[in-house]
C-alpha atoms as a PDB file:
ATOM      1  CA  MET A   1     133.156  60.719 140.597  1.00  0.00           C
ATOM      2  CA  TYR A   2     134.378  61.227 137.021  1.00  0.00           C
ATOM      3  CA  ARG A   3     137.781  59.615 137.307  1.00  0.00           C
ATOM      4  CA  GLY A   4     140.113  60.791 134.587  1.00  0.00           C
ATOM      5  CA  ILE A   5     137.945  63.723 133.501  1.00  0.00           C
ATOM      6  CA  ILE A   6     138.257  66.160 136.391  1.00  0.00           C
ATOM      7  CA  ASP A   7     140.154  66.059 139.649  1.00  0.00           C
ATOM      8  CA  VAL A   8     137.820  66.642 142.588  1.00  0.00           C
ATOM      9  CA  GLN A   9     139.713  66.240 145.833  1.00  0.00           C
ATOM     10  CA  ARG A  10     138.886  67.299 149.359  1.00  0.00           C
ATOM     11  CA  GLU A  11     141.465  69.652 150.772  1.00  0.00           C
ATOM     12  CA  PRO A  12     141.573  70.749 154.393  1.00  0.00           C
ATOM     13  CA  GLY A  13     139.781  74.019 155.048  1.00  0.00           C
ATOM     14  CA  MET A  14     137.601  76.119 152.811  1.00  0.00           C
ATOM     15  CA  GLY A  15     138.925  77.125 149.415  1.00  0.00           C
ATOM     16  CA  SER A  16     138.726  80.563 147.882  1.00  0.00           C
ATOM     17  CA  LYS A  17     136.040  81.735 145.483  1.00  0.00           C
ATOM     18  CA  ASP A  18     138.612  81.495 142.681  1.00  0.00           C
ATOM     19  CA  ASP A  19     139.379  77.868 143.594  1.00  0.00           C
ATOM     20  CA  TYR A  20     135.683  77.000 143.331  1.00  0.00           C
ATOM     21  CA  ARG A  21     135.268  78.935 140.095  1.00  0.00           C
ATOM     22  CA  ASP A  22     138.248  77.050 138.662  1.00  0.00           C
ATOM     23  CA  LYS A  23     136.563  73.745 139.571  1.00  0.00           C
ATOM     24  CA  ALA A  24     133.374  74.930 137.859  1.00  0.00           C
ATOM     25  CA  HIS A  25     135.379  75.835 134.755  1.00  0.00           C
ATOM     26  CA  GLU A  26     136.959  72.338 134.747  1.00  0.00           C
ATOM     27  CA  CYS A  27     133.481  70.782 134.878  1.00  0.00           C
ATOM     28  CA  ILE A  28     132.250  72.953 132.005  1.00  0.00           C
ATOM     29  CA  GLN A  29     135.287  72.067 129.898  1.00  0.00           C
ATOM     30  CA  ALA A  30     134.763  68.368 130.611  1.00  0.00           C
ATOM     31  CA  ALA A  31     131.073  68.701 129.666  1.00  0.00           C
ATOM     32  CA  ASP A  32     132.108  70.292 126.377  1.00  0.00           C
ATOM     33  CA  ARG A  33     134.340  67.295 125.631  1.00  0.00           C
ATOM     34  CA  THR A  34     131.840  64.524 126.358  1.00  0.00           C
ATOM     35  CA  TYR A  35     129.253  63.135 123.987  1.00  0.00           C
ATOM     36  CA  ASP A  36     127.331  61.283 126.709  1.00  0.00           C
ATOM     37  CA  PRO A  37     124.220  63.400 127.445  1.00  0.00           C
ATOM     38  CA  ALA A  38     123.828  62.091 131.007  1.00  0.00           C
ATOM     39  CA  ARG A  39     127.464  62.818 131.843  1.00  0.00           C
ATOM     40  CA  LYS A  40     127.179  66.282 130.256  1.00  0.00           C
ATOM     41  CA  VAL A  41     124.153  67.120 132.432  1.00  0.00           C
ATOM     42  CA  SER A  42     125.874  65.807 135.563  1.00  0.00           C
ATOM     43  CA  LEU A  43     129.007  67.836 134.885  1.00  0.00           C
ATOM     44  CA  LEU A  44     127.013  71.018 134.246  1.00  0.00           C
ATOM     45  CA  GLU A  45     125.021  70.478 137.446  1.00  0.00           C
ATOM     46  CA  LEU A  46     128.273  70.016 139.358  1.00  0.00           C
ATOM     47  CA  ALA A  47     129.634  73.202 137.780  1.00  0.00           C
ATOM     48  CA  GLY A  48     126.569  75.050 139.029  1.00  0.00           C
ATOM     49  CA  ARG A  49     127.167  73.744 142.530  1.00  0.00           C
ATOM     50  CA  TRP A  50     130.791  74.883 142.458  1.00  0.00           C
ATOM     51  CA  LEU A  51     129.634  78.333 141.327  1.00  0.00           C
ATOM     52  CA  ARG A  52     127.054  78.530 144.137  1.00  0.00           C
ATOM     53  CA  LEU A  53     129.758  77.587 146.605  1.00  0.00           C
ATOM     54  CA  ALA A  54     132.034  80.305 145.189  1.00  0.00           C
ATOM     55  CA  GLU A  55     129.221  82.823 145.576  1.00  0.00           C
ATOM     56  CA  GLN A  56     128.609  81.770 149.174  1.00  0.00           C
ATOM     57  CA  VAL A  57     132.288  82.148 150.020  1.00  0.00           C
ATOM     58  CA  HIS A  58     132.408  85.495 148.209  1.00  0.00           C
ATOM     59  CA  ASP A  59     129.321  86.800 150.002  1.00  0.00           C
ATOM     60  CA  ARG A  60     130.608  85.436 153.337  1.00  0.00           C
ATOM     61  CA  ARG A  61     127.103  84.274 154.133  1.00  0.00           C
ATOM     62  CA  GLY A  62     128.400  81.053 155.580  1.00  0.00           C
ATOM     63  CA  LEU A  63     127.549  77.516 154.604  1.00  0.00           C
ATOM     64  CA  THR A  64     124.897  75.170 155.914  1.00  0.00           C
ATOM     65  CA  GLY A  65     125.180  71.517 155.047  1.00  0.00           C
ATOM     66  CA  ASP A  66     127.216  70.491 152.039  1.00  0.00           C
ATOM     67  CA  ALA A  67     126.749  73.029 149.252  1.00  0.00           C
ATOM     68  CA  LEU A  68     128.005  70.543 146.660  1.00  0.00           C
ATOM     69  CA  ILE A  69     125.528  67.854 147.653  1.00  0.00           C
ATOM     70  CA  ASP A  70     122.563  69.870 148.920  1.00  0.00           C
ATOM     71  CA  PRO A  71     122.353  73.149 146.975  1.00  0.00           C
ATOM     72  CA  PRO A  72     119.856  75.763 148.153  1.00  0.00           C
ATOM     73  CA  GLY A  73     116.306  74.747 147.337  1.00  0.00           C
ATOM     74  CA  SER A  74     117.062  71.047 146.915  1.00  0.00           C
ATOM     75  CA  ASP A  75     115.259  68.380 148.877  1.00  0.00           C
ATOM     76  CA  HIS A  76     118.179  65.914 148.815  1.00  0.00           C
ATOM     77  CA  GLY A  77     119.147  66.580 152.425  1.00  0.00           C
ATOM     78  CA  GLU A  78     115.612  66.222 153.837  1.00  0.00           C
ATOM     79  CA  HIS A  79     114.444  62.885 155.216  1.00  0.00           C
END
């Protein structure tokens, strides 16, 4: 998505809460470095999604759908 700013790769299996928190931290750092308001908002939204995913893994509630694309309460996944 943001080539050269952060490295978002799919790895087999589910990561740990710390892995997801680290990704959120990378997004926040990248947002701090950019002057483009739209990119800053996108990076902070992505950071929030990583943090929600970390919370879901931590709480062991399980995942439904793609937590990075369709966070709880969004209507992106509905047709």
